[in-house]
Amino acid sequence: MTTQLNPTTEEKRKVDVQYRGGGSDAVYGIGLIGAWVYYISHAKSFQEGALGFVKGFFWPAFLVYALFKFLNTE
């Protein structure tokens, strides 16, 4: 009687990973570039340009804040 520890025939399984969507990544990227162009072109000093670069990353937050401020009809 023999015990085979490593079988010679292994089942090979292929995992098929599908990524769907990703359209929002392109919209965010285009918005990021547009925000950088807007903020940096309106900067009057280096500090304002650097702040505009940082603001470019957070443009969706500014957009949502302005929308909520506009919709507040108290």
N, C-alpha and C. Protein backbone atom coordinates (compact mmCIF):
# COMPACT_ATOMS: atom_id res chain seq x y z
N MET A 1 0.84 -1.17 0.00
CA MET A 1 0.00 0.00 0.00
C MET A 1 0.89 1.24 0.00
N THR A 2 0.66 2.15 -0.95
CA THR A 2 1.45 3.37 -1.04
C THR A 2 0.54 4.58 -0.92
N THR A 3 1.06 5.58 -0.33
CA THR A 3 0.31 6.85 -0.20
C THR A 3 1.03 7.89 -1.03
N GLN A 4 0.29 8.50 -1.91
CA GLN A 4 0.87 9.51 -2.79
C GLN A 4 0.55 10.88 -2.22
N LEU A 5 1.59 11.61 -1.79
CA LEU A 5 1.39 12.91 -1.18
C LEU A 5 1.16 14.01 -2.22
N ASN A 6 1.85 13.96 -3.30
CA ASN A 6 1.72 14.96 -4.35
C ASN A 6 1.13 14.31 -5.59
N PRO A 7 -0.14 14.48 -5.82
CA PRO A 7 -0.72 13.85 -7.00
C PRO A 7 -0.13 14.46 -8.27
N THR A 8 -0.01 13.67 -9.30
CA THR A 8 0.61 14.13 -10.53
C THR A 8 -0.34 14.96 -11.38
N THR A 9 -1.61 14.76 -11.22
CA THR A 9 -2.57 15.54 -11.99
C THR A 9 -3.25 16.54 -11.06
N GLU A 10 -2.94 17.78 -11.29
CA GLU A 10 -3.56 18.84 -10.49
C GLU A 10 -4.62 19.52 -11.33
N GLU A 11 -5.68 19.86 -10.68
CA GLU A 11 -6.71 20.62 -11.38
C GLU A 11 -6.27 22.08 -11.39
N LYS A 12 -6.17 22.61 -12.56
CA LYS A 12 -5.81 24.02 -12.68
C LYS A 12 -7.08 24.82 -12.86
N ARG A 13 -7.24 25.78 -11.99
CA ARG A 13 -8.42 26.62 -12.05
C ARG A 13 -8.00 28.02 -12.47
N LYS A 14 -8.71 28.51 -13.44
CA LYS A 14 -8.45 29.87 -13.91
C LYS A 14 -9.55 30.76 -13.37
N VAL A 15 -9.14 31.81 -12.69
CA VAL A 15 -10.10 32.77 -12.15
C VAL A 15 -10.24 33.90 -13.15
N ASP A 16 -11.46 34.12 -13.58
CA ASP A 16 -11.73 35.17 -14.55
C ASP A 16 -12.31 36.37 -13.80
N VAL A 17 -11.50 37.42 -13.67
CA VAL A 17 -11.92 38.62 -12.97
C VAL A 17 -12.29 39.67 -14.00
N GLN A 18 -13.50 40.19 -13.87
CA GLN A 18 -13.97 41.21 -14.81
C GLN A 18 -14.28 42.48 -14.04
N TYR A 19 -13.68 43.56 -14.48
CA TYR A 19 -13.95 44.86 -13.89
C TYR A 19 -14.91 45.60 -14.80
N ARG A 20 -15.96 46.09 -14.22
CA ARG A 20 -16.95 46.80 -15.02
C ARG A 20 -17.08 48.22 -14.49
N GLY A 21 -17.56 49.07 -15.33
CA GLY A 21 -17.72 50.46 -14.92
C GLY A 21 -16.43 51.21 -15.17
N GLY A 22 -16.11 52.08 -14.25
CA GLY A 22 -14.89 52.86 -14.40
C GLY A 22 -15.12 54.17 -15.12
N GLY A 23 -16.34 54.45 -15.52
CA GLY A 23 -16.62 55.71 -16.19
C GLY A 23 -16.45 56.90 -15.27
N SER A 24 -16.68 56.68 -14.00
CA SER A 24 -16.54 57.79 -13.05
C SER A 24 -15.07 58.17 -12.89
N ASP A 25 -14.15 57.24 -13.12
CA ASP A 25 -12.73 57.57 -13.03
C ASP A 25 -12.36 58.60 -14.10
N ALA A 26 -12.87 58.44 -15.30
CA ALA A 26 -12.58 59.39 -16.36
C ALA A 26 -13.18 60.76 -16.07
N VAL A 27 -14.39 60.76 -15.54
CA VAL A 27 -15.04 62.04 -15.21
C VAL A 27 -14.25 62.75 -14.12
N TYR A 28 -13.82 62.01 -13.10
CA TYR A 28 -13.03 62.61 -12.04
C TYR A 28 -11.70 63.13 -12.58
N GLY A 29 -11.07 62.39 -13.46
CA GLY A 29 -9.79 62.82 -14.03
C GLY A 29 -9.92 64.08 -14.85
N ILE A 30 -10.95 64.16 -15.67
CA ILE A 30 -11.17 65.36 -16.47
C ILE A 30 -11.51 66.53 -15.56
N GLY A 31 -12.32 66.29 -14.54
CA GLY A 31 -12.64 67.34 -13.58
C GLY A 31 -11.42 67.80 -12.80
N LEU A 32 -10.53 66.88 -12.48
CA LEU A 32 -9.30 67.21 -11.76
C LEU A 32 -8.44 68.15 -12.60
N ILE A 33 -8.27 67.83 -13.86
CA ILE A 33 -7.47 68.68 -14.74
C ILE A 33 -8.14 70.03 -14.92
N GLY A 34 -9.45 70.04 -15.09
CA GLY A 34 -10.18 71.30 -15.24
C GLY A 34 -10.08 72.16 -13.99
N ALA A 35 -10.17 71.54 -12.82
CA ALA A 35 -10.05 72.29 -11.57
C ALA A 35 -8.65 72.87 -11.43
N TRP A 36 -7.63 72.10 -11.78
CA TRP A 36 -6.27 72.62 -11.72
C TRP A 36 -6.10 73.82 -12.64
N VAL A 37 -6.62 73.71 -13.86
CA VAL A 37 -6.50 74.83 -14.81
C VAL A 37 -7.22 76.05 -14.24
N TYR A 38 -8.41 75.87 -13.71
CA TYR A 38 -9.17 77.00 -13.18
C TYR A 38 -8.46 77.64 -11.99
N TYR A 39 -8.13 76.83 -10.98
CA TYR A 39 -7.55 77.38 -9.75
C TYR A 39 -6.16 77.98 -9.99
N ILE A 40 -5.34 77.32 -10.76
CA ILE A 40 -3.97 77.82 -10.97
C ILE A 40 -3.97 79.03 -11.89
N SER A 41 -4.87 79.08 -12.86
CA SER A 41 -4.91 80.26 -13.74
C SER A 41 -5.43 81.50 -13.02
N HIS A 42 -6.22 81.32 -11.96
CA HIS A 42 -6.73 82.46 -11.21
C HIS A 42 -5.84 82.82 -10.01
N ALA A 43 -4.76 82.10 -9.84
CA ALA A 43 -3.86 82.36 -8.71
C ALA A 43 -3.02 83.60 -8.99
N LYS A 44 -2.84 84.41 -7.95
CA LYS A 44 -2.04 85.63 -8.08
C LYS A 44 -0.67 85.47 -7.43
N SER A 45 -0.46 84.40 -6.69
CA SER A 45 0.83 84.16 -6.06
C SER A 45 1.12 82.66 -6.08
N PHE A 46 2.34 82.34 -5.70
CA PHE A 46 2.72 80.93 -5.66
C PHE A 46 1.89 80.16 -4.63
N GLN A 47 1.62 80.80 -3.49
CA GLN A 47 0.85 80.14 -2.44
C GLN A 47 -0.57 79.84 -2.91
N GLU A 48 -1.18 80.77 -3.62
CA GLU A 48 -2.52 80.53 -4.15
C GLU A 48 -2.50 79.42 -5.20
N GLY A 49 -1.44 79.35 -5.99
CA GLY A 49 -1.30 78.27 -6.97
C GLY A 49 -1.15 76.92 -6.32
N ALA A 50 -0.36 76.87 -5.24
CA ALA A 50 -0.19 75.61 -4.50
C ALA A 50 -1.50 75.21 -3.84
N LEU A 51 -2.21 76.18 -3.28
CA LEU A 51 -3.51 75.89 -2.68
C LEU A 51 -4.50 75.43 -3.76
N GLY A 52 -4.43 76.02 -4.93
CA GLY A 52 -5.28 75.60 -6.04
C GLY A 52 -4.98 74.17 -6.48
N PHE A 53 -3.71 73.78 -6.42
CA PHE A 53 -3.34 72.40 -6.76
C PHE A 53 -3.98 71.43 -5.78
N VAL A 54 -3.96 71.77 -4.49
CA VAL A 54 -4.57 70.91 -3.47
C VAL A 54 -6.09 70.92 -3.61
N LYS A 55 -6.66 72.08 -3.89
CA LYS A 55 -8.11 72.18 -4.06
C LYS A 55 -8.58 71.34 -5.24
N GLY A 56 -7.73 71.18 -6.24
CA GLY A 56 -8.09 70.38 -7.40
C GLY A 56 -8.43 68.94 -7.05
N PHE A 57 -7.79 68.40 -6.02
CA PHE A 57 -8.09 67.04 -5.59
C PHE A 57 -9.47 66.93 -4.93
N PHE A 58 -9.91 68.02 -4.33
CA PHE A 58 -11.14 67.98 -3.55
C PHE A 58 -12.30 68.69 -4.25
N TRP A 59 -12.24 68.89 -5.56
CA TRP A 59 -13.29 69.61 -6.25
C TRP A 59 -14.67 68.96 -6.11
N PRO A 60 -14.81 67.63 -6.01
CA PRO A 60 -16.16 67.09 -5.83
C PRO A 60 -16.78 67.52 -4.50
N ALA A 61 -15.96 67.65 -3.47
CA ALA A 61 -16.49 68.09 -2.17
C ALA A 61 -16.98 69.52 -2.26
N PHE A 62 -16.24 70.39 -2.95
CA PHE A 62 -16.68 71.77 -3.13
C PHE A 62 -17.96 71.83 -3.94
N LEU A 63 -18.06 70.98 -4.94
CA LEU A 63 -19.25 70.95 -5.79
C LEU A 63 -20.48 70.53 -5.00
N VAL A 64 -20.36 69.48 -4.21
CA VAL A 64 -21.49 69.00 -3.41
C VAL A 64 -21.86 70.03 -2.35
N TYR A 65 -20.87 70.68 -1.74
CA TYR A 65 -21.15 71.71 -0.74
C TYR A 65 -21.93 72.86 -1.36
N ALA A 66 -21.49 73.32 -2.53
CA ALA A 66 -22.19 74.42 -3.20
C ALA A 66 -23.61 74.01 -3.60
N LEU A 67 -23.78 72.77 -4.01
CA LEU A 67 -25.11 72.29 -4.38
C LEU A 67 -26.04 72.26 -3.18
N PHE A 68 -25.55 71.75 -2.04
CA PHE A 68 -26.37 71.73 -0.84
C PHE A 68 -26.67 73.14 -0.34
N LYS A 69 -25.72 74.03 -0.47
CA LYS A 69 -25.94 75.42 -0.07
C LYS A 69 -27.01 76.06 -0.96
N PHE A 70 -26.98 75.75 -2.25
CA PHE A 70 -27.97 76.27 -3.18
C PHE A 70 -29.36 75.69 -2.90
N LEU A 71 -29.44 74.41 -2.57
CA LEU A 71 -30.72 73.75 -2.36
C LEU A 71 -31.33 74.08 -1.00
N ASN A 72 -30.57 74.64 -0.10
CA ASN A 72 -31.08 74.99 1.23
C ASN A 72 -31.99 76.22 1.08
N THR A 73 -33.29 76.01 1.21
CA THR A 73 -34.25 77.08 0.97
C THR A 73 -34.93 77.52 2.26
N GLU A 74 -34.19 77.62 3.34
CA GLU A 74 -34.78 78.03 4.60
C GLU A 74 -35.17 79.47 4.59
